[in-house]
Amino acid sequence: MTKKDELLYQIRHKAIVHGKVILSSGKEANYYVDLRRVTLDSTSAPLVGEVMLDLTKDLDYEAVGG
């Protein structure tokens, strides 16, 4: 399994909330995607960095913030 595949697995299993969800707008949804559950997770966060580094390897940059 590639790092990208592993990250997609982590997103599918940690970031997608199924079931009735009340959004901040007050509307209801049947699911919600919360990527903070991935970017703040000790297993998933390094994968985010590694995949982003691979996807941006051809770009000329000196620093990244977020």
PDB file of N, CA and C in Angstrom:
ATOM      1  N   MET A   1       0.859  -1.181   0.000  1.00  0.00           N
ATOM      2  CA  MET A   1       0.000   0.000   0.000  1.00  0.00           C
ATOM      3  C   MET A   1       0.904   1.242   0.000  1.00  0.00           C
ATOM      4  N   THR A   2       0.638   2.167  -0.908  1.00  0.00           N
ATOM      5  CA  THR A   2       1.426   3.400  -0.955  1.00  0.00           C
ATOM      6  C   THR A   2       1.003   4.335   0.181  1.00  0.00           C
ATOM      7  N   LYS A   3       1.815   5.343   0.435  1.00  0.00           N
ATOM      8  CA  LYS A   3       1.477   6.321   1.479  1.00  0.00           C
ATOM      9  C   LYS A   3       0.189   7.063   1.118  1.00  0.00           C
ATOM     10  N   LYS A   4       0.002   7.325  -0.169  1.00  0.00           N
ATOM     11  CA  LYS A   4      -1.221   7.997  -0.613  1.00  0.00           C
ATOM     12  C   LYS A   4      -2.439   7.104  -0.360  1.00  0.00           C
ATOM     13  N   ASP A   5      -2.311   5.823  -0.653  1.00  0.00           N
ATOM     14  CA  ASP A   5      -3.403   4.876  -0.390  1.00  0.00           C
ATOM     15  C   ASP A   5      -3.708   4.800   1.102  1.00  0.00           C
ATOM     16  N   GLU A   6      -2.660   4.782   1.920  1.00  0.00           N
ATOM     17  CA  GLU A   6      -2.839   4.729   3.370  1.00  0.00           C
ATOM     18  C   GLU A   6      -3.539   5.990   3.870  1.00  0.00           C
ATOM     19  N   LEU A   7      -3.161   7.141   3.318  1.00  0.00           N
ATOM     20  CA  LEU A   7      -3.813   8.392   3.714  1.00  0.00           C
ATOM     21  C   LEU A   7      -5.287   8.380   3.324  1.00  0.00           C
ATOM     22  N   LEU A   8      -5.600   7.905   2.140  1.00  0.00           N
ATOM     23  CA  LEU A   8      -6.995   7.804   1.718  1.00  0.00           C
ATOM     24  C   LEU A   8      -7.780   6.876   2.646  1.00  0.00           C
ATOM     25  N   TYR A   9      -7.148   5.785   3.064  1.00  0.00           N
ATOM     26  CA  TYR A   9      -7.782   4.874   4.015  1.00  0.00           C
ATOM     27  C   TYR A   9      -8.061   5.594   5.333  1.00  0.00           C
ATOM     28  N   GLN A  10      -7.074   6.336   5.828  1.00  0.00           N
ATOM     29  CA  GLN A  10      -7.229   7.081   7.074  1.00  0.00           C
ATOM     30  C   GLN A  10      -8.353   8.109   6.963  1.00  0.00           C
ATOM     31  N   ILE A  11      -8.436   8.800   5.835  1.00  0.00           N
ATOM     32  CA  ILE A  11      -9.495   9.791   5.617  1.00  0.00           C
ATOM     33  C   ILE A  11     -10.861   9.109   5.638  1.00  0.00           C
ATOM     34  N   ARG A  12     -10.980   8.019   4.912  1.00  0.00           N
ATOM     35  CA  ARG A  12     -12.265   7.307   4.850  1.00  0.00           C
ATOM     36  C   ARG A  12     -12.723   6.807   6.217  1.00  0.00           C
ATOM     37  N   HIS A  13     -11.778   6.376   7.041  1.00  0.00           N
ATOM     38  CA  HIS A  13     -12.135   5.754   8.312  1.00  0.00           C
ATOM     39  C   HIS A  13     -12.130   6.697   9.510  1.00  0.00           C
ATOM     40  N   LYS A  14     -11.488   7.848   9.378  1.00  0.00           N
ATOM     41  CA  LYS A  14     -11.425   8.765  10.522  1.00  0.00           C
ATOM     42  C   LYS A  14     -12.134  10.094  10.282  1.00  0.00           C
ATOM     43  N   ALA A  15     -12.174  10.567   9.050  1.00  0.00           N
ATOM     44  CA  ALA A  15     -12.672  11.917   8.795  1.00  0.00           C
ATOM     45  C   ALA A  15     -14.140  11.972   8.394  1.00  0.00           C
ATOM     46  N   ILE A  16     -14.683  10.879   7.901  1.00  0.00           N
ATOM     47  CA  ILE A  16     -16.065  10.894   7.432  1.00  0.00           C
ATOM     48  C   ILE A  16     -16.982  10.414   8.557  1.00  0.00           C
ATOM     49  N   VAL A  17     -17.876  11.288   8.973  1.00  0.00           N
ATOM     50  CA  VAL A  17     -18.834  10.980  10.035  1.00  0.00           C
ATOM     51  C   VAL A  17     -20.171  10.670   9.368  1.00  0.00           C
ATOM     52  N   HIS A  18     -20.650   9.449   9.543  1.00  0.00           N
ATOM     53  CA  HIS A  18     -21.929   9.042   8.955  1.00  0.00           C
ATOM     54  C   HIS A  18     -23.035   9.193   9.991  1.00  0.00           C
ATOM     55  N   GLY A  19     -24.214   9.531   9.516  1.00  0.00           N
ATOM     56  CA  GLY A  19     -25.362   9.690  10.400  1.00  0.00           C
ATOM     57  C   GLY A  19     -25.809  11.136  10.446  1.00  0.00           C
ATOM     58  N   LYS A  20     -26.852  11.376  11.193  1.00  0.00           N
ATOM     59  CA  LYS A  20     -27.426  12.721  11.285  1.00  0.00           C
ATOM     60  C   LYS A  20     -26.436  13.671  11.969  1.00  0.00           C
ATOM     61  N   VAL A  21     -26.145  14.767  11.290  1.00  0.00           N
ATOM     62  CA  VAL A  21     -25.213  15.765  11.801  1.00  0.00           C
ATOM     63  C   VAL A  21     -25.873  17.132  11.664  1.00  0.00           C
ATOM     64  N   ILE A  22     -25.792  17.944  12.700  1.00  0.00           N
ATOM     65  CA  ILE A  22     -26.270  19.323  12.624  1.00  0.00           C
ATOM     66  C   ILE A  22     -25.073  20.203  12.298  1.00  0.00           C
ATOM     67  N   LEU A  23     -25.124  20.876  11.162  1.00  0.00           N
ATOM     68  CA  LEU A  23     -24.036  21.737  10.725  1.00  0.00           C
ATOM     69  C   LEU A  23     -24.077  23.071  11.463  1.00  0.00           C
ATOM     70  N   SER A  24     -22.985  23.824  11.400  1.00  0.00           N
ATOM     71  CA  SER A  24     -22.941  25.118  12.085  1.00  0.00           C
ATOM     72  C   SER A  24     -23.992  26.082  11.538  1.00  0.00           C
ATOM     73  N   SER A  25     -24.451  25.841  10.316  1.00  0.00           N
ATOM     74  CA  SER A  25     -25.497  26.674   9.726  1.00  0.00           C
ATOM     75  C   SER A  25     -26.871  26.345  10.318  1.00  0.00           C
ATOM     76  N   GLY A  26     -26.941  25.232  11.065  1.00  0.00           N
ATOM     77  CA  GLY A  26     -28.204  24.782  11.627  1.00  0.00           C
ATOM     78  C   GLY A  26     -28.899  23.749  10.757  1.00  0.00           C
ATOM     79  N   LYS A  27     -28.397  23.559   9.538  1.00  0.00           N
ATOM     80  CA  LYS A  27     -28.986  22.565   8.637  1.00  0.00           C
ATOM     81  C   LYS A  27     -28.530  21.173   9.034  1.00  0.00           C
ATOM     82  N   GLU A  28     -29.325  20.174   8.616  1.00  0.00           N
ATOM     83  CA  GLU A  28     -28.998  18.777   8.869  1.00  0.00           C
ATOM     84  C   GLU A  28     -28.294  18.174   7.666  1.00  0.00           C
ATOM     85  N   ALA A  29     -27.403  17.254   7.934  1.00  0.00           N
ATOM     86  CA  ALA A  29     -26.740  16.501   6.870  1.00  0.00           C
ATOM     87  C   ALA A  29     -26.677  15.037   7.295  1.00  0.00           C
ATOM     88  N   ASN A  30     -26.543  14.156   6.316  1.00  0.00           N
ATOM     89  CA  ASN A  30     -26.441  12.725   6.597  1.00  0.00           C
ATOM     90  C   ASN A  30     -25.000  12.280   6.819  1.00  0.00           C
ATOM     91  N   TYR A  31     -24.056  13.155   6.493  1.00  0.00           N
ATOM     92  CA  TYR A  31     -22.646  12.868   6.737  1.00  0.00           C
ATOM     93  C   TYR A  31     -21.881  14.174   6.834  1.00  0.00           C
ATOM     94  N   TYR A  32     -20.670  14.087   7.348  1.00  0.00           N
ATOM     95  CA  TYR A  32     -19.825  15.262   7.529  1.00  0.00           C
ATOM     96  C   TYR A  32     -18.377  14.818   7.361  1.00  0.00           C
ATOM     97  N   VAL A  33     -17.578  15.611   6.667  1.00  0.00           N
ATOM     98  CA  VAL A  33     -16.160  15.305   6.497  1.00  0.00           C
ATOM     99  C   VAL A  33     -15.370  16.283   7.365  1.00  0.00           C
ATOM    100  N   ASP A  34     -14.661  15.757   8.351  1.00  0.00           N
ATOM    101  CA  ASP A  34     -13.880  16.568   9.278  1.00  0.00           C
ATOM    102  C   ASP A  34     -12.418  16.147   9.168  1.00  0.00           C
ATOM    103  N   LEU A  35     -11.663  16.845   8.313  1.00  0.00           N
ATOM    104  CA  LEU A  35     -10.267  16.466   8.082  1.00  0.00           C
ATOM    105  C   LEU A  35      -9.364  16.777   9.266  1.00  0.00           C
ATOM    106  N   ARG A  36      -9.856  17.539  10.236  1.00  0.00           N
ATOM    107  CA  ARG A  36      -9.059  17.754  11.455  1.00  0.00           C
ATOM    108  C   ARG A  36      -8.811  16.433  12.164  1.00  0.00           C
ATOM    109  N   ARG A  37      -9.720  15.493  12.008  1.00  0.00           N
ATOM    110  CA  ARG A  37      -9.548  14.174  12.626  1.00  0.00           C
ATOM    111  C   ARG A  37      -8.370  13.427  12.027  1.00  0.00           C
ATOM    112  N   VAL A  38      -7.956  13.826  10.843  1.00  0.00           N
ATOM    113  CA  VAL A  38      -6.800  13.216  10.195  1.00  0.00           C
ATOM    114  C   VAL A  38      -5.545  14.055  10.441  1.00  0.00           C
ATOM    115  N   THR A  39      -5.645  15.350  10.220  1.00  0.00           N
ATOM    116  CA  THR A  39      -4.457  16.201  10.337  1.00  0.00           C
ATOM    117  C   THR A  39      -3.961  16.333  11.767  1.00  0.00           C
ATOM    118  N   LEU A  40      -4.802  16.068  12.757  1.00  0.00           N
ATOM    119  CA  LEU A  40      -4.397  16.158  14.157  1.00  0.00           C
ATOM    120  C   LEU A  40      -4.173  14.790  14.802  1.00  0.00           C
ATOM    121  N   ASP A  41      -4.245  13.733  14.015  1.00  0.00           N
ATOM    122  CA  ASP A  41      -4.081  12.373  14.513  1.00  0.00           C
ATOM    123  C   ASP A  41      -2.603  11.970  14.430  1.00  0.00           C
ATOM    124  N   SER A  42      -2.090  11.324  15.463  1.00  0.00           N
ATOM    125  CA  SER A  42      -0.662  10.986  15.515  1.00  0.00           C
ATOM    126  C   SER A  42      -0.230   9.993  14.437  1.00  0.00           C
ATOM    127  N   THR A  43      -1.137   9.172  13.958  1.00  0.00           N
ATOM    128  CA  THR A  43      -0.815   8.227  12.888  1.00  0.00           C
ATOM    129  C   THR A  43      -0.967   8.861  11.512  1.00  0.00           C
ATOM    130  N   SER A  44      -2.018   9.641  11.339  1.00  0.00           N
ATOM    131  CA  SER A  44      -2.345  10.199  10.028  1.00  0.00           C
ATOM    132  C   SER A  44      -1.568  11.454   9.680  1.00  0.00           C
ATOM    133  N   ALA A  45      -1.270  12.299  10.651  1.00  0.00           N
ATOM    134  CA  ALA A  45      -0.619  13.589  10.381  1.00  0.00           C
ATOM    135  C   ALA A  45       0.701  13.436   9.623  1.00  0.00           C
ATOM    136  N   PRO A  46       1.573  12.509  10.017  1.00  0.00           N
ATOM    137  CA  PRO A  46       2.805  12.351   9.233  1.00  0.00           C
ATOM    138  C   PRO A  46       2.539  11.951   7.778  1.00  0.00           C
ATOM    139  N   LEU A  47       1.491  11.155   7.559  1.00  0.00           N
ATOM    140  CA  LEU A  47       1.142  10.767   6.188  1.00  0.00           C
ATOM    141  C   LEU A  47       0.738  11.988   5.365  1.00  0.00           C
ATOM    142  N   VAL A  48       0.001  12.909   5.986  1.00  0.00           N
ATOM    143  CA  VAL A  48      -0.403  14.137   5.292  1.00  0.00           C
ATOM    144  C   VAL A  48       0.844  14.866   4.813  1.00  0.00           C
ATOM    145  N   GLY A  49       1.818  15.024   5.701  1.00  0.00           N
ATOM    146  CA  GLY A  49       3.058  15.716   5.333  1.00  0.00           C
ATOM    147  C   GLY A  49       3.816  15.002   4.243  1.00  0.00           C
ATOM    148  N   GLU A  50       3.939  13.694   4.353  1.00  0.00           N
ATOM    149  CA  GLU A  50       4.686  12.924   3.363  1.00  0.00           C
ATOM    150  C   GLU A  50       4.023  12.967   1.988  1.00  0.00           C
ATOM    151  N   VAL A  51       2.706  12.835   1.957  1.00  0.00           N
ATOM    152  CA  VAL A  51       1.987  12.862   0.676  1.00  0.00           C
ATOM    153  C   VAL A  51       2.054  14.267   0.066  1.00  0.00           C
ATOM    154  N   MET A  52       1.888  15.294   0.893  1.00  0.00           N
ATOM    155  CA  MET A  52       1.980  16.663   0.374  1.00  0.00           C
ATOM    156  C   MET A  52       3.385  16.956  -0.161  1.00  0.00           C
ATOM    157  N   LEU A  53       4.407  16.490   0.536  1.00  0.00           N
ATOM    158  CA  LEU A  53       5.777  16.680   0.078  1.00  0.00           C
ATOM    159  C   LEU A  53       5.986  16.011  -1.272  1.00  0.00           C
ATOM    160  N   ASP A  54       5.462  14.808  -1.423  1.00  0.00           N
ATOM    161  CA  ASP A  54       5.586  14.100  -2.696  1.00  0.00           C
ATOM    162  C   ASP A  54       4.827  14.828  -3.814  1.00  0.00           C
ATOM    163  N   LEU A  55       3.619  15.320  -3.510  1.00  0.00           N
ATOM    164  CA  LEU A  55       2.803  15.993  -4.533  1.00  0.00           C
ATOM    165  C   LEU A  55       3.385  17.337  -4.951  1.00  0.00           C
ATOM    166  N   THR A  56       4.184  17.950  -4.090  1.00  0.00           N
ATOM    167  CA  THR A  56       4.721  19.284  -4.390  1.00  0.00           C
ATOM    168  C   THR A  56       6.219  19.271  -4.676  1.00  0.00           C
ATOM    169  N   LYS A  57       6.797  18.089  -4.866  1.00  0.00           N
ATOM    170  CA  LYS A  57       8.247  17.972  -5.032  1.00  0.00           C
ATOM    171  C   LYS A  57       8.788  18.751  -6.236  1.00  0.00           C
ATOM    172  N   ASP A  58       7.955  18.986  -7.233  1.00  0.00           N
ATOM    173  CA  ASP A  58       8.412  19.706  -8.425  1.00  0.00           C
ATOM    174  C   ASP A  58       8.218  21.219  -8.310  1.00  0.00           C
ATOM    175  N   LEU A  59       7.630  21.681  -7.230  1.00  0.00           N
ATOM    176  CA  LEU A  59       7.409  23.121  -7.035  1.00  0.00           C
ATOM    177  C   LEU A  59       8.633  23.741  -6.366  1.00  0.00           C
ATOM    178  N   ASP A  60       8.879  25.001  -6.687  1.00  0.00           N
ATOM    179  CA  ASP A  60      10.003  25.711  -6.109  1.00  0.00           C
ATOM    180  C   ASP A  60       9.499  26.558  -4.949  1.00  0.00           C
ATOM    181  N   TYR A  61       9.712  26.106  -3.727  1.00  0.00           N
ATOM    182  CA  TYR A  61       9.273  26.840  -2.555  1.00  0.00           C
ATOM    183  C   TYR A  61      10.345  26.746  -1.460  1.00  0.00           C
ATOM    184  N   GLU A  62      10.331  27.717  -0.581  1.00  0.00           N
ATOM    185  CA  GLU A  62      11.302  27.735   0.516  1.00  0.00           C
ATOM    186  C   GLU A  62      10.659  27.410   1.848  1.00  0.00           C
ATOM    187  N   ALA A  63       9.364  27.704   2.007  1.00  0.00           N
ATOM    188  CA  ALA A  63       8.683  27.462   3.270  1.00  0.00           C
ATOM    189  C   ALA A  63       7.213  27.239   3.008  1.00  0.00           C
ATOM    190  N   VAL A  64       6.568  26.575   3.962  1.00  0.00           N
ATOM    191  CA  VAL A  64       5.130  26.313   3.896  1.00  0.00           C
ATOM    192  C   VAL A  64       4.544  26.602   5.266  1.00  0.00           C
ATOM    193  N   GLY A  65       3.381  27.218   5.295  1.00  0.00           N
ATOM    194  CA  GLY A  65       2.691  27.476   6.563  1.00  0.00           C
ATOM    195  C   GLY A  65       1.239  27.053   6.472  1.00  0.00           C
ATOM    196  N   GLY A  66       0.627  26.926   7.596  1.00  0.00           N
ATOM    197  CA  GLY A  66      -0.766  26.523   7.528  1.00  0.00           C
ATOM    198  C   GLY A  66      -1.455  26.670   8.844  1.00  0.00           C
TER     199      GLY A  66
END
